């Protein structure tokens, strides 16, 4: 769990150095499950393959929404 926290902190530091108007594309296998809830729709859209989520899903959604 600590390794995940360090990874996301490092990732935020890297993204912080890019201007806000630049498009950022991350390509990585984050092992994410994001469930079909209305709260996630603005970030992931209407399509999700999962009925539930995992910790990685919550982390990626939080990262994406805080770094737009």
Protein backbone atom coordinates (compact mmCIF):
# COMPACT_ATOMS: atom_id res chain seq x y z
CA UNK A 1 0.00 0.00 0.00
CA UNK A 2 2.87 2.38 0.75
CA UNK A 3 4.35 1.73 -2.69
CA UNK A 4 1.06 2.81 -4.31
CA UNK A 5 1.03 6.01 -2.28
CA UNK A 6 4.62 6.81 -3.26
CA UNK A 7 3.84 6.05 -6.91
CA UNK A 8 0.87 8.43 -7.01
CA UNK A 9 2.81 11.14 -5.17
CA UNK A 10 5.63 10.84 -7.72
CA UNK A 11 3.12 10.84 -10.57
CA UNK A 12 1.52 14.03 -9.25
CA UNK A 13 4.93 15.70 -9.01
CA UNK A 14 5.71 14.82 -12.63
CA UNK A 15 2.33 16.09 -13.86
CA UNK A 16 2.67 19.27 -11.79
CA UNK A 17 5.60 20.35 -13.97
CA UNK A 18 3.52 20.29 -17.17
CA UNK A 19 1.49 23.38 -18.07
CA UNK A 20 -2.25 23.03 -17.40
CA UNK A 21 -3.13 23.63 -21.05
CA UNK A 22 -1.10 20.64 -22.26
CA UNK A 23 -2.90 17.39 -22.91
CA UNK A 24 -1.59 14.60 -20.72
CA UNK A 25 -1.94 10.99 -21.73
CA UNK A 26 -0.99 8.27 -19.28
CA UNK A 27 -0.42 4.78 -20.57
CA UNK A 28 -0.08 2.24 -17.81
CA UNK A 29 -1.77 -0.85 -16.49
CA UNK A 30 -3.22 0.55 -13.28
CA UNK A 31 -5.26 -2.62 -12.56
CA UNK A 32 -8.34 -0.45 -12.14
CA UNK A 33 -11.94 -1.40 -11.47
CA UNK A 34 -14.40 1.48 -11.44
CA UNK A 35 -18.03 0.70 -10.78
CA UNK A 36 -21.05 2.12 -12.57
CA UNK A 37 -22.05 4.89 -10.19
CA UNK A 38 -23.28 8.35 -11.08
CA UNK A 39 -20.44 9.92 -9.12
CA UNK A 40 -17.86 8.42 -11.53
CA UNK A 41 -19.69 9.25 -14.80
CA UNK A 42 -18.10 12.70 -15.33
CA UNK A 43 -14.69 11.05 -15.25
CA UNK A 44 -15.17 7.65 -16.89
CA UNK A 45 -18.38 8.16 -18.85
CA UNK A 46 -21.34 5.80 -19.05
CA UNK A 47 -19.41 2.67 -19.88
CA UNK A 48 -17.78 0.52 -17.22
CA UNK A 49 -17.25 -3.20 -17.26
CA UNK A 50 -17.33 -3.57 -13.49
CA UNK A 51 -20.08 -3.84 -10.91
CA UNK A 52 -17.72 -2.83 -8.11
CA UNK A 53 -14.51 -0.88 -7.71
CA UNK A 54 -11.15 -1.40 -6.07
CA UNK A 55 -8.63 0.85 -4.36
CA UNK A 56 -6.77 1.37 -7.64
CA UNK A 57 -9.96 2.59 -9.29
CA UNK A 58 -10.57 5.18 -6.60
CA UNK A 59 -6.95 6.34 -6.79
CA UNK A 60 -7.00 6.74 -10.57
CA UNK A 61 -10.32 8.62 -10.55
CA UNK A 62 -9.06 10.92 -7.77
CA UNK A 63 -5.81 11.49 -9.65
CA UNK A 64 -7.61 12.23 -12.92
CA UNK A 65 -10.05 14.69 -11.39
CA UNK A 66 -7.42 16.52 -9.35
CA UNK A 67 -4.99 16.87 -12.27
CA UNK A 68 -7.27 18.12 -15.05
